[in-house]
C-alpha atoms as a PDB file:
ATOM      1  CA  MET A   1     -38.635 -41.611 -29.278  1.00  0.00           C
ATOM      2  CA  GLY A   2     -40.102 -41.279 -25.257  1.00  0.00           C
ATOM      3  CA  ARG A   3     -38.418 -38.380 -23.495  1.00  0.00           C
ATOM      4  CA  LYS A   4     -36.656 -40.222 -20.707  1.00  0.00           C
ATOM      5  CA  THR A   5     -34.621 -42.174 -23.812  1.00  0.00           C
ATOM      6  CA  PHE A   6     -34.174 -38.396 -25.330  1.00  0.00           C
ATOM      7  CA  GLU A   7     -33.263 -37.598 -22.083  1.00  0.00           C
ATOM      8  CA  SER A   8     -30.734 -40.626 -21.921  1.00  0.00           C
ATOM      9  CA  ILE A   9     -29.158 -39.789 -24.889  1.00  0.00           C
ATOM     10  CA  GLY A  10     -27.797 -36.294 -23.554  1.00  0.00           C
ATOM     11  CA  ASN A  11     -31.106 -33.906 -25.113  1.00  0.00           C
ATOM     12  CA  LYS A  12     -30.014 -34.134 -28.660  1.00  0.00           C
ATOM     13  CA  PRO A  13     -31.772 -35.938 -31.498  1.00  0.00           C
ATOM     14  CA  LEU A  14     -30.127 -38.715 -33.537  1.00  0.00           C
ATOM     15  CA  ASN A  15     -28.122 -37.505 -36.462  1.00  0.00           C
ATOM     16  CA  ALA A  16     -29.113 -37.597 -40.449  1.00  0.00           C
ATOM     17  CA  ARG A  17     -32.394 -38.962 -39.737  1.00  0.00           C
ATOM     18  CA  PHE A  18     -35.767 -36.814 -38.616  1.00  0.00           C
ATOM     19  CA  ASN A  19     -36.664 -37.405 -34.436  1.00  0.00           C
ATOM     20  CA  ILE A  20     -40.199 -37.195 -32.811  1.00  0.00           C
ATOM     21  CA  ILE A  21     -39.999 -37.013 -29.410  1.00  0.00           C
ATOM     22  CA  LEU A  22     -43.485 -38.379 -27.515  1.00  0.00           C
ATOM     23  CA  SER A  23     -43.920 -36.708 -24.348  1.00  0.00           C
ATOM     24  CA  LYS A  24     -46.998 -34.858 -22.202  1.00  0.00           C
ATOM     25  CA  SER A  25     -44.547 -32.506 -20.569  1.00  0.00           C
ATOM     26  CA  LEU A  26     -41.905 -31.391 -22.404  1.00  0.00           C
ATOM     27  CA  SER A  27     -42.618 -28.262 -24.583  1.00  0.00           C
ATOM     28  CA  GLN A  28     -41.209 -28.309 -28.131  1.00  0.00           C
ATOM     29  CA  ARG A  29     -38.731 -25.624 -26.632  1.00  0.00           C
ATOM     30  CA  GLN A  30     -37.117 -27.175 -24.240  1.00  0.00           C
ATOM     31  CA  ALA A  31     -36.638 -30.005 -26.068  1.00  0.00           C
ATOM     32  CA  ASN A  32     -35.643 -27.726 -29.352  1.00  0.00           C
ATOM     33  CA  PRO A  33     -33.709 -24.605 -28.359  1.00  0.00           C
ATOM     34  CA  GLU A  34     -31.546 -24.365 -31.183  1.00  0.00           C
ATOM     35  CA  GLY A  35     -35.139 -24.665 -33.503  1.00  0.00           C
ATOM     36  CA  LEU A  36     -33.770 -27.393 -35.444  1.00  0.00           C
ATOM     37  CA  ASP A  37     -35.737 -28.420 -38.517  1.00  0.00           C
ATOM     38  CA  ASN A  38     -34.814 -32.335 -37.870  1.00  0.00           C
ATOM     39  CA  LEU A  39     -36.501 -32.432 -34.264  1.00  0.00           C
ATOM     40  CA  VAL A  40     -40.324 -31.873 -33.237  1.00  0.00           C
ATOM     41  CA  VAL A  41     -42.642 -33.013 -30.303  1.00  0.00           C
ATOM     42  CA  LEU A  42     -45.547 -34.943 -29.998  1.00  0.00           C
ATOM     43  CA  ASP A  43     -48.140 -36.006 -26.999  1.00  0.00           C
ATOM     44  CA  SER A  44     -48.598 -39.193 -28.593  1.00  0.00           C
ATOM     45  CA  LEU A  45     -48.224 -42.399 -30.520  1.00  0.00           C
ATOM     46  CA  HIS A  46     -51.072 -41.243 -32.535  1.00  0.00           C
ATOM     47  CA  THR A  47     -50.328 -37.654 -33.089  1.00  0.00           C
ATOM     48  CA  ALA A  48     -47.038 -38.871 -34.353  1.00  0.00           C
ATOM     49  CA  GLN A  49     -48.646 -40.987 -37.361  1.00  0.00           C
ATOM     50  CA  GLN A  50     -51.120 -37.983 -37.946  1.00  0.00           C
ATOM     51  CA  TYR A  51     -47.803 -35.777 -38.161  1.00  0.00           C
ATOM     52  CA  ILE A  52     -45.665 -38.341 -40.254  1.00  0.00           C
ATOM     53  CA  GLU A  53     -48.815 -39.086 -43.341  1.00  0.00           C
ATOM     54  CA  ALA A  54     -49.394 -34.887 -43.091  1.00  0.00           C
ATOM     55  CA  GLU A  55     -46.116 -33.577 -42.506  1.00  0.00           C
ATOM     56  CA  LEU A  56     -43.631 -35.464 -43.909  1.00  0.00           C
ATOM     57  CA  GLY A  57     -45.530 -38.015 -46.048  1.00  0.00           C
ATOM     58  CA  SER A  58     -43.092 -39.057 -49.071  1.00  0.00           C
ATOM     59  CA  ARG A  59     -40.308 -38.322 -47.245  1.00  0.00           C
ATOM     60  CA  VAL A  60     -40.508 -41.030 -45.176  1.00  0.00           C
ATOM     61  CA  LYS A  61     -40.083 -44.595 -46.029  1.00  0.00           C
ATOM     62  CA  ASP A  62     -39.570 -46.355 -42.806  1.00  0.00           C
ATOM     63  CA  ASN A  63     -40.479 -45.258 -38.894  1.00  0.00           C
ATOM     64  CA  TYR A  64     -38.727 -46.966 -36.168  1.00  0.00           C
ATOM     65  CA  ILE A  65     -39.099 -46.416 -32.237  1.00  0.00           C
ATOM     66  CA  VAL A  66     -35.886 -46.416 -30.335  1.00  0.00           C
ATOM     67  CA  GLY A  67     -37.774 -46.748 -26.606  1.00  0.00           C
ATOM     68  CA  GLY A  68     -39.285 -46.470 -24.188  1.00  0.00           C
ATOM     69  CA  ARG A  69     -40.882 -49.615 -22.779  1.00  0.00           C
ATOM     70  CA  GLY A  70     -44.034 -47.618 -23.014  1.00  0.00           C
ATOM     71  CA  LEU A  71     -43.977 -46.864 -26.401  1.00  0.00           C
ATOM     72  CA  TYR A  72     -42.821 -50.340 -27.206  1.00  0.00           C
ATOM     73  CA  GLU A  73     -45.633 -51.954 -25.876  1.00  0.00           C
ATOM     74  CA  GLU A  74     -47.708 -49.624 -27.428  1.00  0.00           C
ATOM     75  CA  SER A  75     -46.736 -49.530 -30.782  1.00  0.00           C
ATOM     76  CA  ILE A  76     -46.337 -53.379 -31.052  1.00  0.00           C
ATOM     77  CA  ALA A  77     -50.041 -53.460 -31.053  1.00  0.00           C
ATOM     78  CA  LEU A  78     -50.967 -51.621 -33.782  1.00  0.00           C
ATOM     79  CA  GLU A  79     -52.212 -52.730 -37.249  1.00  0.00           C
ATOM     80  CA  ASN A  80     -49.486 -51.033 -39.330  1.00  0.00           C
ATOM     81  CA  MET A  81     -46.495 -52.488 -37.028  1.00  0.00           C
ATOM     82  CA  HIS A  82     -44.316 -54.487 -39.742  1.00  0.00           C
ATOM     83  CA  ASN A  83     -41.212 -55.693 -38.179  1.00  0.00           C
ATOM     84  CA  VAL A  84     -39.405 -55.875 -34.637  1.00  0.00           C
ATOM     85  CA  PHE A  85     -35.689 -55.082 -35.182  1.00  0.00           C
ATOM     86  CA  LEU A  86     -34.281 -56.754 -32.361  1.00  0.00           C
ATOM     87  CA  THR A  87     -30.713 -57.125 -30.664  1.00  0.00           C
ATOM     88  CA  ARG A  88     -29.600 -59.109 -28.138  1.00  0.00           C
ATOM     89  CA  VAL A  89     -26.377 -58.019 -26.378  1.00  0.00           C
ATOM     90  CA  ASN A  90     -24.772 -61.324 -24.369  1.00  0.00           C
ATOM     91  CA  THR A  91     -23.633 -60.008 -21.220  1.00  0.00           C
ATOM     92  CA  ASP A  92     -24.744 -58.832 -18.071  1.00  0.00           C
ATOM     93  CA  VAL A  93     -26.378 -55.218 -17.483  1.00  0.00           C
ATOM     94  CA  HIS A  94     -28.348 -53.948 -14.628  1.00  0.00           C
ATOM     95  CA  ALA A  95     -31.458 -52.512 -15.790  1.00  0.00           C
ATOM     96  CA  ASP A  96     -34.565 -50.377 -13.925  1.00  0.00           C
ATOM     97  CA  VAL A  97     -37.038 -51.222 -17.107  1.00  0.00           C
ATOM     98  CA  CYS A  98     -37.450 -54.129 -19.277  1.00  0.00           C
ATOM     99  CA  LEU A  99     -40.304 -55.151 -21.166  1.00  0.00           C
ATOM    100  CA  ASP A 100     -42.596 -58.161 -20.558  1.00  0.00           C
END
């Protein structure tokens, strides 16, 4: 997930999964002051892919992109992107960001 998405969920990792925060400005110490073992901060989607292959290997079956917009746009263009899980919510919402 991107930094802004991480901040929007209260600067806490999602439970019961390994969380990779992508940010060029957020440090590991800022994002993870408690030293949790399910959270790492990396600087790019490419670096995240390398980290998953090298550090997590066979322990990770699926990877999910959970936002934000720039990360969605970058990941959709990847060769190894196989599925998009889209949730439609039938309501009017105010949003400051949208996908084209």
